[in-house]
C-alpha atoms as a PDB file:
ATOM      1  CA  MET A   1     -56.499 -19.252 -11.708  1.00  0.00           C
ATOM      2  CA  ALA A   2     -54.843 -19.421  -8.007  1.00  0.00           C
ATOM      3  CA  GLN A   3     -51.730 -18.204  -9.540  1.00  0.00           C
ATOM      4  CA  SER A   4     -53.016 -15.127 -11.237  1.00  0.00           C
ATOM      5  CA  LYS A   5     -55.388 -14.216  -8.277  1.00  0.00           C
ATOM      6  CA  PHE A   6     -52.091 -13.555  -5.832  1.00  0.00           C
ATOM      7  CA  LEU A   7     -49.910 -12.525  -8.735  1.00  0.00           C
ATOM      8  CA  PRO A   8     -50.799  -8.424  -8.013  1.00  0.00           C
ATOM      9  CA  ARG A   9     -50.317  -9.174  -4.130  1.00  0.00           C
ATOM     10  CA  LEU A  10     -47.106 -10.615  -4.785  1.00  0.00           C
ATOM     11  CA  GLN A  11     -45.862  -8.027  -7.266  1.00  0.00           C
ATOM     12  CA  SER A  12     -46.959  -5.124  -4.779  1.00  0.00           C
ATOM     13  CA  ALA A  13     -44.673  -6.647  -2.121  1.00  0.00           C
ATOM     14  CA  MET A  14     -41.417  -7.172  -3.891  1.00  0.00           C
ATOM     15  CA  GLY A  15     -38.448  -4.740  -3.251  1.00  0.00           C
ATOM     16  CA  VAL A  16     -34.902  -4.441  -3.015  1.00  0.00           C
ATOM     17  CA  VAL A  17     -32.385  -4.993   0.342  1.00  0.00           C
ATOM     18  CA  TYR A  18     -30.248  -2.637   1.205  1.00  0.00           C
ATOM     19  CA  SER A  19     -27.339  -2.666   3.835  1.00  0.00           C
ATOM     20  CA  VAL A  20     -27.839   0.386   6.793  1.00  0.00           C
ATOM     21  CA  GLY A  21     -25.097   2.142   5.280  1.00  0.00           C
ATOM     22  CA  GLU A  22     -26.647   2.426   1.717  1.00  0.00           C
ATOM     23  CA  VAL A  23     -29.945   3.483   3.155  1.00  0.00           C
ATOM     24  CA  GLU A  24     -28.297   6.303   5.227  1.00  0.00           C
ATOM     25  CA  HIS A  25     -26.265   7.688   2.012  1.00  0.00           C
ATOM     26  CA  LEU A  26     -29.616   6.705  -0.405  1.00  0.00           C
ATOM     27  CA  SER A  27     -31.238   8.519   1.971  1.00  0.00           C
ATOM     28  CA  THR A  28     -28.965  11.579   2.400  1.00  0.00           C
ATOM     29  CA  PHE A  29     -28.877  11.689  -1.591  1.00  0.00           C
ATOM     30  CA  PHE A  30     -32.427  12.012  -2.071  1.00  0.00           C
ATOM     31  CA  VAL A  31     -32.730  14.434   0.873  1.00  0.00           C
ATOM     32  CA  GLN A  32     -29.879  16.620  -1.367  1.00  0.00           C
ATOM     33  CA  TRP A  33     -31.650  16.294  -4.405  1.00  0.00           C
ATOM     34  CA  SER A  34     -35.145  17.445  -3.890  1.00  0.00           C
ATOM     35  CA  PRO A  35     -34.983  18.863  -0.052  1.00  0.00           C
ATOM     36  CA  THR A  36     -38.599  20.399  -0.843  1.00  0.00           C
ATOM     37  CA  ILE A  37     -39.938  16.897  -0.839  1.00  0.00           C
ATOM     38  CA  TYR A  38     -37.879  14.943   1.309  1.00  0.00           C
ATOM     39  CA  THR A  39     -37.139  17.322   4.228  1.00  0.00           C
ATOM     40  CA  LYS A  40     -40.283  17.251   6.641  1.00  0.00           C
ATOM     41  CA  SER A  41     -38.454  19.698   9.119  1.00  0.00           C
ATOM     42  CA  LYS A  42     -35.879  22.370   9.534  1.00  0.00           C
ATOM     43  CA  LYS A  43     -33.345  19.521  11.440  1.00  0.00           C
ATOM     44  CA  LYS A  44     -29.980  20.026  10.007  1.00  0.00           C
ATOM     45  CA  TYR A  45     -28.838  16.645   8.593  1.00  0.00           C
ATOM     46  CA  ARG A  46     -25.074  15.899   9.219  1.00  0.00           C
ATOM     47  CA  GLN A  47     -22.810  15.956   5.804  1.00  0.00           C
ATOM     48  CA  PRO A  48     -23.025  12.515   4.020  1.00  0.00           C
ATOM     49  CA  CYS A  49     -20.376  10.549   2.745  1.00  0.00           C
ATOM     50  CA  TYR A  50     -21.178  11.199  -0.511  1.00  0.00           C
ATOM     51  CA  LEU A  51     -20.612  15.101  -0.318  1.00  0.00           C
ATOM     52  CA  VAL A  52     -22.647  17.325  -2.429  1.00  0.00           C
ATOM     53  CA  LYS A  53     -21.444  20.782  -2.516  1.00  0.00           C
ATOM     54  CA  LYS A  54     -21.360  23.897  -4.836  1.00  0.00           C
ATOM     55  CA  LYS A  55     -17.823  24.936  -6.595  1.00  0.00           C
ATOM     56  CA  HIS A  56     -18.135  27.499  -9.051  1.00  0.00           C
ATOM     57  CA  GLN A  57     -22.002  27.387  -9.045  1.00  0.00           C
ATOM     58  CA  ASN A  58     -21.586  23.896 -10.180  1.00  0.00           C
ATOM     59  CA  ARG A  59     -22.616  20.944  -7.651  1.00  0.00           C
ATOM     60  CA  TYR A  60     -20.551  17.825  -7.457  1.00  0.00           C
ATOM     61  CA  LEU A  61     -21.351  14.322  -6.106  1.00  0.00           C
ATOM     62  CA  VAL A  62     -18.896  12.026  -5.520  1.00  0.00           C
ATOM     63  CA  VAL A  63     -19.729   8.295  -6.440  1.00  0.00           C
ATOM     64  CA  VAL A  64     -18.423   5.023  -6.965  1.00  0.00           C
ATOM     65  CA  LYS A  65     -18.446   4.891 -10.467  1.00  0.00           C
ATOM     66  CA  SER A  66     -20.555   1.714 -10.875  1.00  0.00           C
ATOM     67  CA  LYS A  67     -23.323   3.688  -9.380  1.00  0.00           C
ATOM     68  CA  VAL A  68     -22.997   6.611 -12.090  1.00  0.00           C
ATOM     69  CA  THR A  69     -25.820   5.139 -14.574  1.00  0.00           C
ATOM     70  CA  VAL A  70     -28.132   4.444 -11.695  1.00  0.00           C
ATOM     71  CA  ILE A  71     -27.575   7.927 -10.136  1.00  0.00           C
ATOM     72  CA  ASN A  72     -27.940   9.211 -13.762  1.00  0.00           C
ATOM     73  CA  ARG A  73     -31.770   7.951 -13.906  1.00  0.00           C
ATOM     74  CA  PHE A  74     -32.692  10.383 -10.794  1.00  0.00           C
ATOM     75  CA  PHE A  75     -31.298  13.305 -12.905  1.00  0.00           C
ATOM     76  CA  CYS A  76     -33.045  12.883 -15.647  1.00  0.00           C
ATOM     77  CA  ASN A  77     -36.292  13.847 -14.198  1.00  0.00           C
ATOM     78  CA  PRO A  78     -35.295  16.580 -11.072  1.00  0.00           C
ATOM     79  CA  VAL A  79     -38.303  17.352  -9.088  1.00  0.00           C
ATOM     80  CA  ASN A  80     -36.401  20.545  -7.889  1.00  0.00           C
ATOM     81  CA  SER A  81     -35.912  22.600 -10.898  1.00  0.00           C
ATOM     82  CA  THR A  82     -33.109  25.195  -9.192  1.00  0.00           C
ATOM     83  CA  ASN A  83     -30.747  22.129  -9.243  1.00  0.00           C
ATOM     84  CA  LYS A  84     -29.675  22.043 -12.920  1.00  0.00           C
ATOM     85  CA  ASN A  85     -25.718  22.326 -12.464  1.00  0.00           C
ATOM     86  CA  TRP A  86     -24.909  19.019 -11.887  1.00  0.00           C
ATOM     87  CA  LYS A  87     -21.714  17.132 -12.437  1.00  0.00           C
ATOM     88  CA  ILE A  88     -20.935  13.716 -11.728  1.00  0.00           C
ATOM     89  CA  ILE A  89     -17.273  12.476 -10.923  1.00  0.00           C
ATOM     90  CA  THR A  90     -15.845   9.075  -9.778  1.00  0.00           C
ATOM     91  CA  VAL A  91     -13.643   8.286  -6.667  1.00  0.00           C
ATOM     92  CA  LYS A  92     -11.046   7.654  -8.901  1.00  0.00           C
ATOM     93  CA  ASP A  93     -11.249  11.054 -10.951  1.00  0.00           C
ATOM     94  CA  SER A  94     -10.912  12.440  -7.092  1.00  0.00           C
ATOM     95  CA  LYS A  95      -8.365  10.686  -5.499  1.00  0.00           C
ATOM     96  CA  ARG A  96      -7.255  13.842  -3.536  1.00  0.00           C
ATOM     97  CA  SER A  97     -10.882  13.810  -2.045  1.00  0.00           C
ATOM     98  CA  LEU A  98     -10.070  12.751   1.601  1.00  0.00           C
ATOM     99  CA  SER A  99     -11.543  15.723   2.633  1.00  0.00           C
ATOM    100  CA  LEU A 100     -15.056  15.114   1.117  1.00  0.00           C
ATOM    101  CA  CYS A 101     -16.036  12.692   3.946  1.00  0.00           C
ATOM    102  CA  CYS A 102     -15.539  15.051   7.087  1.00  0.00           C
ATOM    103  CA  SER A 103     -18.331  16.967   7.932  1.00  0.00           C
ATOM    104  CA  GLU A 104     -17.125  20.323   8.226  1.00  0.00           C
ATOM    105  CA  TYR A 105     -15.183  21.991   5.477  1.00  0.00           C
ATOM    106  CA  SER A 106     -13.972  25.553   3.876  1.00  0.00           C
ATOM    107  CA  GLU A 107     -13.810  26.604   0.642  1.00  0.00           C
ATOM    108  CA  GLU A 108      -9.946  26.922   1.256  1.00  0.00           C
ATOM    109  CA  ASP A 109      -9.955  23.076   1.889  1.00  0.00           C
ATOM    110  CA  GLU A 110     -11.974  22.338  -1.044  1.00  0.00           C
ATOM    111  CA  PRO A 111      -9.719  19.597  -2.943  1.00  0.00           C
ATOM    112  CA  GLU A 112      -9.474  20.545  -6.654  1.00  0.00           C
ATOM    113  CA  VAL A 113     -11.642  17.968  -8.868  1.00  0.00           C
ATOM    114  CA  GLU A 114      -9.408  17.844 -11.695  1.00  0.00           C
ATOM    115  CA  ASP A 115      -6.263  16.945  -9.694  1.00  0.00           C
ATOM    116  CA  SER A 116      -5.693  13.288  -9.393  1.00  0.00           C
ATOM    117  CA  LEU A 117      -2.828  12.421  -7.972  1.00  0.00           C
ATOM    118  CA  PRO A 118      -2.490  11.009  -4.434  1.00  0.00           C
ATOM    119  CA  VAL A 119      -1.600  12.760  -1.255  1.00  0.00           C
ATOM    120  CA  LEU A 120       1.747  12.103   0.619  1.00  0.00           C
ATOM    121  CA  ASN A 121       1.733  12.565   4.256  1.00  0.00           C
ATOM    122  CA  ASP A 122       5.082  13.017   3.736  1.00  0.00           C
ATOM    123  CA  GLN A 123       7.816  14.244   1.523  1.00  0.00           C
ATOM    124  CA  SER A 124       9.515  11.691  -0.893  1.00  0.00           C
ATOM    125  CA  GLN A 125      12.878  12.174  -1.969  1.00  0.00           C
ATOM    126  CA  LEU A 126      12.158   9.643  -4.906  1.00  0.00           C
ATOM    127  CA  LEU A 127       8.659  10.277  -6.032  1.00  0.00           C
ATOM    128  CA  ASP A 128       7.504  13.157  -8.275  1.00  0.00           C
ATOM    129  CA  ASP A 129       3.904  14.014  -9.641  1.00  0.00           C
ATOM    130  CA  LYS A 130       4.853  12.157 -12.855  1.00  0.00           C
ATOM    131  CA  HIS A 131       5.765   9.047 -10.780  1.00  0.00           C
ATOM    132  CA  LEU A 132       2.244   9.466  -8.542  1.00  0.00           C
ATOM    133  CA  GLU A 133       0.481   9.666 -11.829  1.00  0.00           C
ATOM    134  CA  ARG A 134       1.495   6.769 -13.263  1.00  0.00           C
ATOM    135  CA  LEU A 135       1.338   4.242 -10.182  1.00  0.00           C
ATOM    136  CA  ALA A 136      -2.035   5.586  -9.139  1.00  0.00           C
ATOM    137  CA  ALA A 137      -3.674   4.665 -11.997  1.00  0.00           C
ATOM    138  CA  GLN A 138      -2.431   0.841 -11.955  1.00  0.00           C
ATOM    139  CA  MET A 139      -3.096   0.562  -8.506  1.00  0.00           C
ATOM    140  CA  PRO A 140      -6.360  -1.201  -6.938  1.00  0.00           C
ATOM    141  CA  ALA A 141      -9.481   0.528  -6.381  1.00  0.00           C
ATOM    142  CA  LYS A 142      -9.440   0.007  -2.628  1.00  0.00           C
ATOM    143  CA  THR A 143      -6.288   2.665  -2.362  1.00  0.00           C
ATOM    144  CA  TRP A 144      -8.276   5.360  -3.992  1.00  0.00           C
ATOM    145  CA  GLY A 145      -8.641   8.514  -2.001  1.00  0.00           C
ATOM    146  CA  TYR A 146      -6.385   7.659   0.702  1.00  0.00           C
ATOM    147  CA  PRO A 147      -3.365   9.007   1.805  1.00  0.00           C
ATOM    148  CA  TRP A 148      -0.037   7.557   1.576  1.00  0.00           C
ATOM    149  CA  GLN A 149       2.418   7.388   4.630  1.00  0.00           C
ATOM    150  CA  LEU A 150       6.109   6.799   4.411  1.00  0.00           C
ATOM    151  CA  VAL A 151       6.524   3.774   6.774  1.00  0.00           C
ATOM    152  CA  TYR A 152      10.648   3.468   6.104  1.00  0.00           C
ATOM    153  CA  SER A 153      13.129   5.228   4.409  1.00  0.00           C
ATOM    154  CA  THR A 154      16.979   4.889   4.055  1.00  0.00           C
ATOM    155  CA  SER A 155      17.691   8.575   4.575  1.00  0.00           C
ATOM    156  CA  VAL A 156      15.397   8.719   7.455  1.00  0.00           C
ATOM    157  CA  HIS A 157      15.847   5.354   9.304  1.00  0.00           C
ATOM    158  CA  GLY A 158      19.117   3.765   7.911  1.00  0.00           C
ATOM    159  CA  SER A 159      19.752   1.085   5.339  1.00  0.00           C
ATOM    160  CA  SER A 160      18.164  -2.135   7.251  1.00  0.00           C
ATOM    161  CA  LEU A 161      15.994  -4.914   6.197  1.00  0.00           C
ATOM    162  CA  LYS A 162      15.419  -5.795   9.742  1.00  0.00           C
ATOM    163  CA  THR A 163      14.079  -2.142  10.225  1.00  0.00           C
ATOM    164  CA  MET A 164      12.018  -2.106   7.294  1.00  0.00           C
ATOM    165  CA  TYR A 165      10.137  -5.241   8.760  1.00  0.00           C
ATOM    166  CA  ARG A 166       9.901  -3.476  12.350  1.00  0.00           C
ATOM    167  CA  ASN A 167       8.660  -0.384  10.724  1.00  0.00           C
ATOM    168  CA  MET A 168       5.847  -2.511   9.009  1.00  0.00           C
ATOM    169  CA  ALA A 169       4.762  -4.799  11.951  1.00  0.00           C
ATOM    170  CA  GLY A 170       1.599  -5.088  12.503  1.00  0.00           C
ATOM    171  CA  LEU A 171       0.329  -2.963   9.437  1.00  0.00           C
ATOM    172  CA  ASP A 172      -2.712  -4.730   7.581  1.00  0.00           C
ATOM    173  CA  CYS A 173      -2.460  -2.898   3.992  1.00  0.00           C
ATOM    174  CA  PRO A 174      -0.801  -2.363   0.573  1.00  0.00           C
ATOM    175  CA  VAL A 175       2.596  -0.888   0.500  1.00  0.00           C
ATOM    176  CA  LEU A 176       4.511   0.612  -2.138  1.00  0.00           C
ATOM    177  CA  LEU A 177       8.515   0.307  -2.475  1.00  0.00           C
ATOM    178  CA  VAL A 178      10.471   2.325  -4.432  1.00  0.00           C
ATOM    179  CA  ILE A 179      14.304   2.261  -5.803  1.00  0.00           C
ATOM    180  CA  LYS A 180      16.432   4.751  -6.959  1.00  0.00           C
ATOM    181  CA  ASP A 181      19.970   2.707  -7.716  1.00  0.00           C
ATOM    182  CA  MET A 182      23.784   4.346  -8.611  1.00  0.00           C
ATOM    183  CA  HIS A 183      22.538   5.094 -11.970  1.00  0.00           C
ATOM    184  CA  LYS A 184      19.427   6.855 -10.976  1.00  0.00           C
ATOM    185  CA  LYS A 185      16.415   4.512 -12.557  1.00  0.00           C
ATOM    186  CA  VAL A 186      13.794   4.381 -10.417  1.00  0.00           C
ATOM    187  CA  PHE A 187      11.904   1.103  -9.817  1.00  0.00           C
ATOM    188  CA  GLY A 188      10.011  -0.958  -7.149  1.00  0.00           C
ATOM    189  CA  ALA A 189       7.058  -2.816  -6.829  1.00  0.00           C
ATOM    190  CA  PHE A 190       3.478  -2.405  -5.594  1.00  0.00           C
ATOM    191  CA  SER A 191       2.659  -5.139  -2.980  1.00  0.00           C
ATOM    192  CA  SER A 192      -0.727  -6.390  -1.412  1.00  0.00           C
ATOM    193  CA  ASP A 193       0.740  -7.184   1.661  1.00  0.00           C
ATOM    194  CA  PRO A 194       3.273  -5.197   3.871  1.00  0.00           C
ATOM    195  CA  PHE A 195       6.675  -7.019   3.531  1.00  0.00           C
ATOM    196  CA  LYS A 196       7.588  -9.480   6.551  1.00  0.00           C
ATOM    197  CA  VAL A 197       9.877 -12.403   7.391  1.00  0.00           C
ATOM    198  CA  SER A 198       7.785 -15.606   6.150  1.00  0.00           C
ATOM    199  CA  LYS A 199       8.282 -19.396   5.684  1.00  0.00           C
ATOM    200  CA  TYR A 200       6.262 -19.279   2.376  1.00  0.00           C
ATOM    201  CA  CYS A 201       4.874 -17.245  -0.033  1.00  0.00           C
ATOM    202  CA  TYR A 202       2.486 -14.464   0.488  1.00  0.00           C
ATOM    203  CA  GLY A 203       0.595 -11.770  -0.906  1.00  0.00           C
ATOM    204  CA  THR A 204      -2.494 -11.590  -4.125  1.00  0.00           C
ATOM    205  CA  GLY A 205      -2.425 -10.801  -7.993  1.00  0.00           C
ATOM    206  CA  GLU A 206      -2.960  -7.055  -6.817  1.00  0.00           C
ATOM    207  CA  THR A 207       1.232  -7.147  -6.303  1.00  0.00           C
ATOM    208  CA  PHE A 208       2.922  -5.820  -9.825  1.00  0.00           C
ATOM    209  CA  LEU A 209       6.470  -4.436 -10.419  1.00  0.00           C
ATOM    210  CA  PHE A 210       6.962  -1.197 -11.967  1.00  0.00           C
ATOM    211  CA  SER A 211      10.269   0.880 -14.159  1.00  0.00           C
ATOM    212  CA  PHE A 212      10.867   4.206 -15.009  1.00  0.00           C
ATOM    213  CA  ASN A 213      13.631   3.514 -17.427  1.00  0.00           C
ATOM    214  CA  PRO A 214      13.049   6.072 -18.419  1.00  0.00           C
ATOM    215  CA  ASP A 215       9.329   5.396 -19.699  1.00  0.00           C
ATOM    216  CA  PHE A 216       6.985   3.836 -17.355  1.00  0.00           C
ATOM    217  CA  GLN A 217       6.232   0.166 -17.106  1.00  0.00           C
ATOM    218  CA  ALA A 218       3.773  -2.175 -14.957  1.00  0.00           C
ATOM    219  CA  TYR A 219       4.302  -5.628 -14.739  1.00  0.00           C
ATOM    220  CA  ARG A 220       1.504  -7.319 -13.484  1.00  0.00           C
ATOM    221  CA  TRP A 221       0.621 -10.910 -12.372  1.00  0.00           C
ATOM    222  CA  SER A 222       1.047 -13.396 -15.308  1.00  0.00           C
ATOM    223  CA  GLY A 223      -0.948 -16.039 -13.495  1.00  0.00           C
ATOM    224  CA  GLU A 224       1.730 -18.547 -14.000  1.00  0.00           C
ATOM    225  CA  ASN A 225       2.241 -19.167 -10.377  1.00  0.00           C
ATOM    226  CA  SER A 226       2.198 -17.037  -7.131  1.00  0.00           C
ATOM    227  CA  TYR A 227       5.474 -16.431  -5.780  1.00  0.00           C
ATOM    228  CA  PHE A 228       4.138 -12.783  -4.977  1.00  0.00           C
ATOM    229  CA  LEU A 229       6.355 -11.985  -2.240  1.00  0.00           C
ATOM    230  CA  SER A 230       9.001 -13.944   0.402  1.00  0.00           C
ATOM    231  CA  GLY A 231      11.149 -12.796   2.993  1.00  0.00           C
ATOM    232  CA  ASN A 232      13.507 -13.482   5.528  1.00  0.00           C
ATOM    233  CA  TRP A 233      16.152 -11.621   7.835  1.00  0.00           C
ATOM    234  CA  GLU A 234      18.899 -12.042   4.873  1.00  0.00           C
ATOM    235  CA  SER A 235      16.839 -10.940   1.873  1.00  0.00           C
ATOM    236  CA  LEU A 236      13.353  -9.866   0.603  1.00  0.00           C
ATOM    237  CA  GLN A 237      11.875 -11.230  -2.401  1.00  0.00           C
ATOM    238  CA  ILE A 238       9.329 -10.557  -4.939  1.00  0.00           C
ATOM    239  CA  GLY A 239       8.605 -12.536  -8.208  1.00  0.00           C
ATOM    240  CA  GLY A 240      10.001 -16.119  -8.749  1.00  0.00           C
ATOM    241  CA  GLY A 241      10.306 -18.770 -11.530  1.00  0.00           C
ATOM    242  CA  GLY A 242      12.674 -18.802 -14.217  1.00  0.00           C
ATOM    243  CA  GLY A 243      15.405 -18.973 -12.903  1.00  0.00           C
ATOM    244  CA  GLY A 244      15.714 -15.412 -10.618  1.00  0.00           C
ATOM    245  CA  PHE A 245      13.556 -12.970  -8.653  1.00  0.00           C
ATOM    246  CA  GLY A 246      11.859 -10.342 -10.293  1.00  0.00           C
ATOM    247  CA  LEU A 247      13.346  -7.905  -7.752  1.00  0.00           C
ATOM    248  CA  TRP A 248      15.449  -9.227  -4.578  1.00  0.00           C
ATOM    249  CA  LEU A 249      16.815  -7.030  -1.796  1.00  0.00           C
ATOM    250  CA  ASP A 250      19.984  -7.820   0.787  1.00  0.00           C
ATOM    251  CA  ALA A 251      20.080  -7.586   4.519  1.00  0.00           C
ATOM    252  CA  ASN A 252      21.400  -4.452   4.306  1.00  0.00           C
ATOM    253  CA  LEU A 253      19.317  -2.700   1.833  1.00  0.00           C
ATOM    254  CA  TYR A 254      21.993  -2.033  -0.545  1.00  0.00           C
ATOM    255  CA  ARG A 255      22.761  -4.915  -3.060  1.00  0.00           C
ATOM    256  CA  GLY A 256      19.942  -5.690  -5.427  1.00  0.00           C
ATOM    257  CA  SER A 257      19.107  -7.535  -8.360  1.00  0.00           C
ATOM    258  CA  SER A 258      16.364  -8.087 -10.776  1.00  0.00           C
ATOM    259  CA  PHE A 259      15.721 -11.012 -13.314  1.00  0.00           C
ATOM    260  CA  SER A 260      12.808 -11.804 -15.721  1.00  0.00           C
ATOM    261  CA  CYS A 261      10.473 -14.109 -13.867  1.00  0.00           C
ATOM    262  CA  THR A 262       7.539 -15.991 -14.475  1.00  0.00           C
ATOM    263  CA  THR A 263       5.445 -14.669 -11.814  1.00  0.00           C
ATOM    264  CA  PHE A 264       5.430 -11.216 -13.793  1.00  0.00           C
ATOM    265  CA  GLN A 265       6.846 -12.199 -16.988  1.00  0.00           C
ATOM    266  CA  ASN A 266       9.231  -8.715 -16.301  1.00  0.00           C
ATOM    267  CA  GLU A 267      12.092  -7.428 -18.166  1.00  0.00           C
ATOM    268  CA  SER A 268      14.898  -6.448 -15.572  1.00  0.00           C
ATOM    269  CA  LEU A 269      13.755  -3.444 -13.802  1.00  0.00           C
ATOM    270  CA  SER A 270      17.203  -1.793 -13.779  1.00  0.00           C
ATOM    271  CA  THR A 271      19.689  -1.097 -16.814  1.00  0.00           C
ATOM    272  CA  GLN A 272      21.319  -4.174 -15.462  1.00  0.00           C
ATOM    273  CA  VAL A 273      20.188  -7.193 -13.523  1.00  0.00           C
ATOM    274  CA  ASP A 274      22.456  -6.233 -10.633  1.00  0.00           C
ATOM    275  CA  PHE A 275      22.336  -3.000  -9.000  1.00  0.00           C
ATOM    276  CA  ASN A 276      23.343  -0.545  -5.733  1.00  0.00           C
ATOM    277  CA  VAL A 277      20.764   1.027  -4.087  1.00  0.00           C
ATOM    278  CA  LEU A 278      21.236   4.510  -3.850  1.00  0.00           C
ATOM    279  CA  ASP A 279      18.270   5.587  -2.279  1.00  0.00           C
ATOM    280  CA  LEU A 280      15.071   3.500  -1.021  1.00  0.00           C
ATOM    281  CA  GLU A 281      11.393   4.360   0.274  1.00  0.00           C
ATOM    282  CA  VAL A 282       8.556   2.562   1.705  1.00  0.00           C
ATOM    283  CA  TRP A 283       4.872   4.008   1.892  1.00  0.00           C
ATOM    284  CA  THR A 284       2.100   2.585   2.960  1.00  0.00           C
ATOM    285  CA  VAL A 285      -1.825   3.383   1.750  1.00  0.00           C
ATOM    286  CA  GLN A 286      -3.481   3.830   4.551  1.00  0.00           C
ATOM    287  CA  ASN A 287      -7.215   3.360   4.802  1.00  0.00           C
END
C-alpha cells in the first residue's frame, strides 16, 4: 500500500539529465521548430551550433547521426504547419560544413550539402578529390567537419625528419601522412597522434595504413599488437611485428620501406618493399 501511495509522486518527479550544452542546443531547436510556442518575445536568439536555415525552399538541420531518430520523433507531429520542407543531414554528410557553426553567414558562403570532401586550408601536390573522398570515409568521426592544415611538405620545408618532428611539436591532434614514390604510387598512414621522438610505441587503434596502388585499400588495426608508432632521430616507424615495419622512413625522408606487419596485416604499400620518396606531405586535422 505504501508503495502504491507514493508511486504517482515518484513518477511525476522523474526526468532526464542534460548537460548545459545539450540544454542550450535543445532549447534552440525548439525555438527554431515552433517559434510561436517557444518564443515569448521578439528577442533575437543567437544561431545554434545545429543550424537551421533555408536553401532552395528547403530547411536543413545538421545533427549527429545518433540523434536523427530522436529528432525524427519531433518531426512526426509538427506544431507549426508552415514548417513542412525539412531534411535531416548528418555531420558525415556535411564534412564541408565548418561555417555552419558561425553566427553569421551568407548565401555565397553556404556550403553544398551534397559535397562531402574535406576542406584543405593549403594546396596539396599529392591529394585530389578521389583521394580525399576515400580517406575521409575511413577517418574517425572526431575529424568530420574540420579543416585539414598542411604542417609539413618536402616541397616546402625540404627533406628532413627532424624538421617534420619540429613542425609537429606541441600538436595534439591526428595527422595524415601522404607519400608519392618514384613510381608515382600514393600511399601513407593516418595517425591518431602527431609524429614525435619517443622511447616507446605510442598511438591508438584509430591509426591505419592506406594505399592507392592503384585501387584504394585501407589496412586497419588487427588487434594483434600495439606497435602503432615509434620515432627516433634516425627513422619513423609505423606498424610492426612479423619481421618488418608496415611503413618506415629514414632521417632524410628519401628512402623508405613497407613490409607486411602484424599490427595492420597489410600488404606492401608500394609496388616494392623498398622505395624512394618523390614527395611527402603531412596534414593535421584541426579541431
